[in-house]
N, C-alpha and C. Protein backbone atom coordinates (compact mmCIF):
# COMPACT_ATOMS: atom_id res chain seq x y z
N UNK A 1 2.07 -49.87 67.04
CA UNK A 1 1.66 -49.46 68.37
C UNK A 1 1.30 -47.98 68.29
N UNK A 2 0.13 -47.64 68.78
CA UNK A 2 -0.36 -46.27 68.75
C UNK A 2 -0.72 -45.84 70.17
N UNK A 3 -0.15 -44.75 70.61
CA UNK A 3 -0.52 -44.25 71.93
C UNK A 3 -1.86 -43.55 71.84
N UNK A 4 -2.82 -44.03 72.61
CA UNK A 4 -4.15 -43.44 72.62
C UNK A 4 -4.27 -42.32 73.65
N UNK A 5 -3.58 -42.50 74.77
CA UNK A 5 -3.74 -41.53 75.84
C UNK A 5 -2.58 -41.62 76.82
N UNK A 6 -2.45 -40.57 77.58
CA UNK A 6 -1.54 -40.59 78.73
C UNK A 6 -2.28 -39.94 79.88
N UNK A 7 -1.99 -40.42 81.06
CA UNK A 7 -2.73 -39.96 82.22
C UNK A 7 -1.75 -39.70 83.36
N UNK A 8 -1.84 -38.53 83.99
CA UNK A 8 -0.94 -38.23 85.11
C UNK A 8 -1.15 -39.20 86.27
N UNK A 9 -0.07 -39.46 86.98
CA UNK A 9 -0.12 -40.27 88.19
C UNK A 9 0.12 -39.36 89.39
N UNK A 10 -0.61 -39.58 90.45
CA UNK A 10 -0.40 -38.87 91.71
C UNK A 10 -0.13 -39.88 92.80
N UNK A 11 0.49 -39.41 93.86
CA UNK A 11 0.73 -40.26 95.01
C UNK A 11 -0.58 -40.51 95.73
N UNK A 12 -0.81 -41.74 96.14
CA UNK A 12 -1.99 -42.10 96.94
C UNK A 12 -1.49 -42.53 98.31
N UNK A 13 -2.06 -41.92 99.34
CA UNK A 13 -1.73 -42.30 100.71
C UNK A 13 -2.97 -42.16 101.58
N UNK A 14 -2.90 -42.70 102.77
CA UNK A 14 -4.00 -42.56 103.72
C UNK A 14 -4.00 -41.15 104.32
N UNK A 15 -5.15 -40.73 104.79
CA UNK A 15 -5.28 -39.40 105.40
C UNK A 15 -4.44 -39.27 106.66
N UNK A 16 -4.12 -40.38 107.31
CA UNK A 16 -3.29 -40.32 108.51
C UNK A 16 -1.79 -40.47 108.22
N UNK A 17 -1.42 -40.50 106.94
CA UNK A 17 -0.01 -40.57 106.55
C UNK A 17 0.65 -39.22 106.80
N UNK A 18 1.92 -39.21 107.12
CA UNK A 18 2.64 -37.98 107.46
C UNK A 18 2.64 -36.95 106.33
N UNK A 19 2.46 -37.37 105.08
CA UNK A 19 2.49 -36.44 103.95
C UNK A 19 1.10 -35.99 103.49
N UNK A 20 0.06 -36.54 104.06
CA UNK A 20 -1.29 -36.37 103.51
C UNK A 20 -1.82 -34.94 103.52
N UNK A 21 -1.33 -34.08 104.36
CA UNK A 21 -1.85 -32.71 104.44
C UNK A 21 -1.19 -31.76 103.44
N UNK A 22 -0.19 -32.24 102.72
CA UNK A 22 0.52 -31.39 101.76
C UNK A 22 -0.20 -31.41 100.42
N UNK A 23 -0.14 -30.32 99.69
CA UNK A 23 -0.73 -30.26 98.35
C UNK A 23 0.11 -31.07 97.36
N UNK A 24 1.42 -31.09 97.58
CA UNK A 24 2.33 -31.88 96.75
C UNK A 24 3.52 -32.31 97.59
N UNK A 25 4.19 -33.35 97.12
CA UNK A 25 5.34 -33.88 97.84
C UNK A 25 6.54 -33.91 96.89
N UNK A 26 7.73 -33.94 97.46
CA UNK A 26 8.94 -34.03 96.64
C UNK A 26 9.42 -35.47 96.59
N UNK A 27 10.23 -35.78 95.61
CA UNK A 27 10.79 -37.13 95.50
C UNK A 27 11.60 -37.47 96.75
N UNK A 28 12.32 -36.49 97.30
CA UNK A 28 13.12 -36.73 98.49
C UNK A 28 12.27 -37.17 99.68
N UNK A 29 11.06 -36.65 99.78
CA UNK A 29 10.18 -37.04 100.87
C UNK A 29 9.70 -38.48 100.76
N UNK A 30 9.84 -39.05 99.58
CA UNK A 30 9.36 -40.41 99.34
C UNK A 30 10.46 -41.46 99.48
N UNK A 31 11.68 -41.02 99.74
CA UNK A 31 12.86 -41.89 99.71
C UNK A 31 12.74 -43.13 100.60
N UNK A 32 12.21 -43.02 101.78
CA UNK A 32 12.17 -44.16 102.70
C UNK A 32 10.78 -44.74 102.88
N UNK A 33 9.89 -44.43 101.96
CA UNK A 33 8.52 -44.93 102.06
C UNK A 33 8.39 -46.34 101.50
N UNK A 34 7.42 -47.07 102.00
CA UNK A 34 7.10 -48.40 101.46
C UNK A 34 6.05 -48.20 100.37
N UNK A 35 6.36 -48.66 99.17
CA UNK A 35 5.45 -48.53 98.04
C UNK A 35 4.76 -49.85 97.75
N UNK A 36 3.51 -49.75 97.35
CA UNK A 36 2.79 -50.88 96.77
C UNK A 36 2.53 -50.51 95.32
N UNK A 37 2.38 -51.52 94.47
CA UNK A 37 2.16 -51.22 93.06
C UNK A 37 1.30 -52.27 92.41
N UNK A 38 0.76 -51.92 91.28
CA UNK A 38 0.01 -52.85 90.45
C UNK A 38 1.02 -53.59 89.58
N UNK A 39 1.00 -54.93 89.58
CA UNK A 39 1.94 -55.65 88.72
C UNK A 39 1.75 -55.25 87.26
N UNK A 40 2.85 -55.14 86.50
CA UNK A 40 2.73 -54.76 85.08
C UNK A 40 1.75 -55.67 84.34
N UNK A 41 0.89 -55.05 83.57
CA UNK A 41 -0.09 -55.79 82.77
C UNK A 41 -1.30 -56.27 83.55
N UNK A 42 -1.30 -56.11 84.87
CA UNK A 42 -2.40 -56.61 85.68
C UNK A 42 -3.54 -55.61 85.72
N UNK A 43 -3.24 -54.37 86.10
CA UNK A 43 -4.26 -53.33 86.15
C UNK A 43 -5.27 -53.48 87.26
N UNK A 44 -4.95 -54.23 88.32
CA UNK A 44 -5.88 -54.41 89.42
C UNK A 44 -5.79 -53.22 90.37
N UNK A 45 -6.35 -52.09 89.93
CA UNK A 45 -6.27 -50.85 90.70
C UNK A 45 -7.09 -50.94 91.98
N UNK A 46 -8.14 -51.73 91.97
CA UNK A 46 -8.94 -51.86 93.18
C UNK A 46 -8.14 -52.53 94.29
N UNK A 47 -7.40 -53.58 93.95
CA UNK A 47 -6.53 -54.23 94.94
C UNK A 47 -5.46 -53.26 95.43
N UNK A 48 -4.86 -52.54 94.51
CA UNK A 48 -3.84 -51.53 94.88
C UNK A 48 -4.41 -50.54 95.90
N UNK A 49 -5.58 -49.99 95.61
CA UNK A 49 -6.19 -49.00 96.50
C UNK A 49 -6.56 -49.61 97.85
N UNK A 50 -6.99 -50.85 97.85
CA UNK A 50 -7.30 -51.52 99.11
C UNK A 50 -6.04 -51.71 99.95
N UNK A 51 -4.91 -52.01 99.30
CA UNK A 51 -3.64 -52.16 100.03
C UNK A 51 -3.21 -50.83 100.64
N UNK A 52 -3.34 -49.75 99.87
CA UNK A 52 -3.01 -48.43 100.41
C UNK A 52 -3.97 -48.09 101.54
N UNK A 53 -5.24 -48.37 101.33
CA UNK A 53 -6.26 -48.09 102.35
C UNK A 53 -5.99 -48.86 103.64
N UNK A 54 -5.44 -50.08 103.52
CA UNK A 54 -5.13 -50.91 104.69
C UNK A 54 -3.85 -50.48 105.38
N UNK A 55 -3.11 -49.52 104.78
CA UNK A 55 -1.89 -49.04 105.40
C UNK A 55 -0.65 -49.85 105.06
N UNK A 56 -0.74 -50.70 104.03
CA UNK A 56 0.41 -51.50 103.62
C UNK A 56 1.52 -50.61 103.07
N UNK A 57 1.17 -49.56 102.38
CA UNK A 57 2.15 -48.64 101.81
C UNK A 57 1.44 -47.52 101.05
N UNK A 58 2.23 -46.80 100.28
CA UNK A 58 1.71 -45.74 99.43
C UNK A 58 2.04 -46.10 97.99
N UNK A 59 1.55 -45.34 97.02
CA UNK A 59 1.87 -45.66 95.64
C UNK A 59 1.39 -44.58 94.69
N UNK A 60 1.69 -44.79 93.42
CA UNK A 60 1.28 -43.87 92.36
C UNK A 60 0.10 -44.47 91.61
N UNK A 61 -0.92 -43.65 91.39
CA UNK A 61 -2.12 -44.12 90.70
C UNK A 61 -2.61 -43.05 89.73
N UNK A 62 -3.27 -43.46 88.65
CA UNK A 62 -3.85 -42.49 87.72
C UNK A 62 -4.86 -41.59 88.42
N UNK A 63 -4.82 -40.31 88.11
CA UNK A 63 -5.71 -39.35 88.79
C UNK A 63 -7.18 -39.58 88.44
N UNK A 64 -7.46 -40.28 87.37
CA UNK A 64 -8.85 -40.48 86.96
C UNK A 64 -9.53 -41.71 87.52
N UNK A 65 -8.88 -42.44 88.42
CA UNK A 65 -9.52 -43.63 88.98
C UNK A 65 -10.81 -43.25 89.71
N UNK A 66 -11.85 -44.02 89.49
CA UNK A 66 -13.15 -43.72 90.10
C UNK A 66 -13.64 -44.87 90.97
N UNK A 67 -12.77 -45.46 91.75
CA UNK A 67 -13.19 -46.52 92.66
C UNK A 67 -13.72 -45.90 93.94
N UNK A 68 -14.78 -46.47 94.52
CA UNK A 68 -15.37 -45.90 95.74
C UNK A 68 -14.36 -45.72 96.88
N UNK A 69 -13.42 -46.65 97.02
CA UNK A 69 -12.46 -46.54 98.11
C UNK A 69 -11.62 -45.26 97.99
N UNK A 70 -11.54 -44.71 96.78
CA UNK A 70 -10.78 -43.48 96.55
C UNK A 70 -11.68 -42.25 96.42
N UNK A 71 -12.81 -42.41 95.74
CA UNK A 71 -13.61 -41.24 95.40
C UNK A 71 -14.81 -40.97 96.31
N UNK A 72 -15.13 -41.88 97.22
CA UNK A 72 -16.27 -41.67 98.11
C UNK A 72 -16.00 -40.51 99.06
N UNK A 73 -17.03 -39.75 99.41
CA UNK A 73 -16.84 -38.62 100.33
C UNK A 73 -16.16 -39.00 101.65
N UNK A 74 -16.41 -40.20 102.13
CA UNK A 74 -15.82 -40.63 103.40
C UNK A 74 -14.48 -41.35 103.23
N UNK A 75 -13.91 -41.32 102.03
CA UNK A 75 -12.64 -42.01 101.77
C UNK A 75 -11.53 -41.47 102.67
N UNK A 76 -10.68 -42.38 103.13
CA UNK A 76 -9.52 -41.96 103.93
C UNK A 76 -8.26 -41.86 103.06
N UNK A 77 -8.42 -41.98 101.75
CA UNK A 77 -7.27 -41.88 100.84
C UNK A 77 -7.15 -40.47 100.28
N UNK A 78 -5.92 -40.07 100.02
CA UNK A 78 -5.63 -38.75 99.46
C UNK A 78 -4.76 -38.90 98.21
N UNK A 79 -5.00 -38.06 97.23
CA UNK A 79 -4.16 -37.96 96.03
C UNK A 79 -3.30 -36.71 96.14
N UNK A 80 -2.00 -36.86 95.97
CA UNK A 80 -1.06 -35.74 96.07
C UNK A 80 -0.19 -35.68 94.84
N UNK A 81 0.02 -34.48 94.32
CA UNK A 81 0.94 -34.30 93.20
C UNK A 81 2.38 -34.51 93.69
N UNK A 82 3.24 -34.93 92.76
CA UNK A 82 4.67 -35.08 93.07
C UNK A 82 5.40 -33.94 92.37
N UNK A 83 6.04 -33.09 93.15
CA UNK A 83 6.70 -31.89 92.62
C UNK A 83 7.95 -32.25 91.83
N UNK A 84 8.16 -31.51 90.75
CA UNK A 84 9.39 -31.63 89.98
C UNK A 84 9.43 -32.77 88.98
N UNK A 85 8.44 -33.62 88.98
CA UNK A 85 8.38 -34.72 88.01
C UNK A 85 6.95 -34.82 87.50
N UNK A 86 6.78 -35.47 86.36
CA UNK A 86 5.45 -35.68 85.80
C UNK A 86 5.23 -37.16 85.54
N UNK A 87 5.07 -37.95 86.61
CA UNK A 87 4.82 -39.38 86.36
C UNK A 87 3.49 -39.54 85.63
N UNK A 88 3.46 -40.45 84.67
CA UNK A 88 2.23 -40.70 83.94
C UNK A 88 2.24 -42.12 83.38
N UNK A 89 1.05 -42.60 83.12
CA UNK A 89 0.94 -43.89 82.44
C UNK A 89 0.50 -43.62 81.02
N UNK A 90 0.91 -44.50 80.13
CA UNK A 90 0.56 -44.38 78.72
C UNK A 90 -0.31 -45.57 78.34
N UNK A 91 -1.35 -45.30 77.59
CA UNK A 91 -2.26 -46.34 77.14
C UNK A 91 -2.08 -46.49 75.63
N UNK A 92 -1.72 -47.71 75.21
CA UNK A 92 -1.41 -47.98 73.81
C UNK A 92 -2.41 -48.94 73.20
N UNK A 93 -2.59 -48.79 71.92
CA UNK A 93 -3.38 -49.71 71.11
C UNK A 93 -2.37 -50.45 70.25
N UNK A 94 -2.34 -51.78 70.39
CA UNK A 94 -1.42 -52.59 69.61
C UNK A 94 -2.25 -53.54 68.76
N UNK A 95 -2.05 -53.47 67.46
CA UNK A 95 -2.81 -54.28 66.52
C UNK A 95 -1.82 -54.97 65.59
N UNK A 96 -2.00 -56.26 65.34
CA UNK A 96 -1.09 -56.94 64.40
C UNK A 96 -1.14 -56.29 63.02
N UNK A 97 -0.19 -56.63 62.19
CA UNK A 97 -0.15 -56.07 60.84
C UNK A 97 -1.43 -56.42 60.08
N UNK A 98 -1.68 -55.69 59.00
CA UNK A 98 -2.93 -55.82 58.24
C UNK A 98 -3.22 -57.27 57.84
N UNK A 99 -2.24 -57.99 57.38
CA UNK A 99 -2.45 -59.37 56.95
C UNK A 99 -2.80 -60.31 58.09
N UNK A 100 -2.51 -59.94 59.31
CA UNK A 100 -2.76 -60.79 60.47
C UNK A 100 -3.98 -60.34 61.27
N UNK A 101 -4.69 -59.33 60.79
CA UNK A 101 -5.83 -58.76 61.52
C UNK A 101 -7.11 -59.07 60.77
N UNK A 102 -8.12 -59.50 61.49
CA UNK A 102 -9.41 -59.79 60.85
C UNK A 102 -10.04 -58.47 60.40
N UNK A 103 -10.89 -58.52 59.40
CA UNK A 103 -11.59 -57.30 58.97
C UNK A 103 -12.38 -56.65 60.11
N UNK A 104 -13.00 -57.45 60.96
CA UNK A 104 -13.77 -56.90 62.08
C UNK A 104 -12.85 -56.16 63.05
N UNK A 105 -11.68 -56.74 63.34
CA UNK A 105 -10.73 -56.08 64.25
C UNK A 105 -10.22 -54.79 63.63
N UNK A 106 -9.99 -54.80 62.33
CA UNK A 106 -9.50 -53.59 61.64
C UNK A 106 -10.57 -52.50 61.69
N UNK A 107 -11.85 -52.84 61.44
CA UNK A 107 -12.93 -51.85 61.52
C UNK A 107 -13.06 -51.29 62.93
N UNK A 108 -12.94 -52.17 63.93
CA UNK A 108 -13.00 -51.72 65.31
C UNK A 108 -11.86 -50.73 65.60
N UNK A 109 -10.66 -51.06 65.16
CA UNK A 109 -9.51 -50.17 65.38
C UNK A 109 -9.73 -48.83 64.68
N UNK A 110 -10.22 -48.85 63.45
CA UNK A 110 -10.47 -47.61 62.73
C UNK A 110 -11.49 -46.75 63.45
N UNK A 111 -12.56 -47.38 63.94
CA UNK A 111 -13.60 -46.64 64.67
C UNK A 111 -13.04 -46.07 65.97
N UNK A 112 -12.28 -46.87 66.69
CA UNK A 112 -11.68 -46.40 67.95
C UNK A 112 -10.78 -45.18 67.71
N UNK A 113 -9.97 -45.24 66.68
CA UNK A 113 -9.07 -44.13 66.39
C UNK A 113 -9.83 -42.90 65.87
N UNK A 114 -10.98 -43.10 65.26
CA UNK A 114 -11.81 -41.96 64.84
C UNK A 114 -12.41 -41.28 66.06
N UNK A 115 -12.86 -42.07 67.02
CA UNK A 115 -13.46 -41.52 68.23
C UNK A 115 -12.42 -40.91 69.19
N UNK A 116 -11.26 -41.55 69.24
CA UNK A 116 -10.18 -41.13 70.15
C UNK A 116 -8.89 -41.04 69.35
N UNK A 117 -8.66 -39.92 68.67
CA UNK A 117 -7.45 -39.79 67.85
C UNK A 117 -6.21 -40.07 68.69
N UNK A 118 -5.22 -40.65 68.05
CA UNK A 118 -3.97 -41.00 68.73
C UNK A 118 -3.35 -39.78 69.38
N UNK A 119 -2.84 -39.97 70.57
CA UNK A 119 -2.13 -38.94 71.34
C UNK A 119 -0.72 -38.84 70.77
N UNK A 120 -0.27 -37.64 70.50
CA UNK A 120 1.08 -37.51 69.92
C UNK A 120 2.11 -37.22 70.96
């Protein structure tokens, strides 16, 4: 398993949420909030953002998401840093051992790691 990247997570909330005007929020301010999340391994960030947009709850999302519901000029969603912690997601490359990997998969992995050296 090789970590390729890590990406900071920020709080996502609607512009009309009580915390939305702050540059950052504390963990204590989040104590009684309703959170929505992407199920592990699912990665359906668009559904997550739509749930936050609909007011179902708030949640943590990678700062680099480029979905229109988040990045459009008229978006009602806000990204806020969480003070005192550094939540992040890690992206890993998992490849079976050499004897269990096809030559094409091995070449692809080698090329990927040349283009994007493993994050230490």
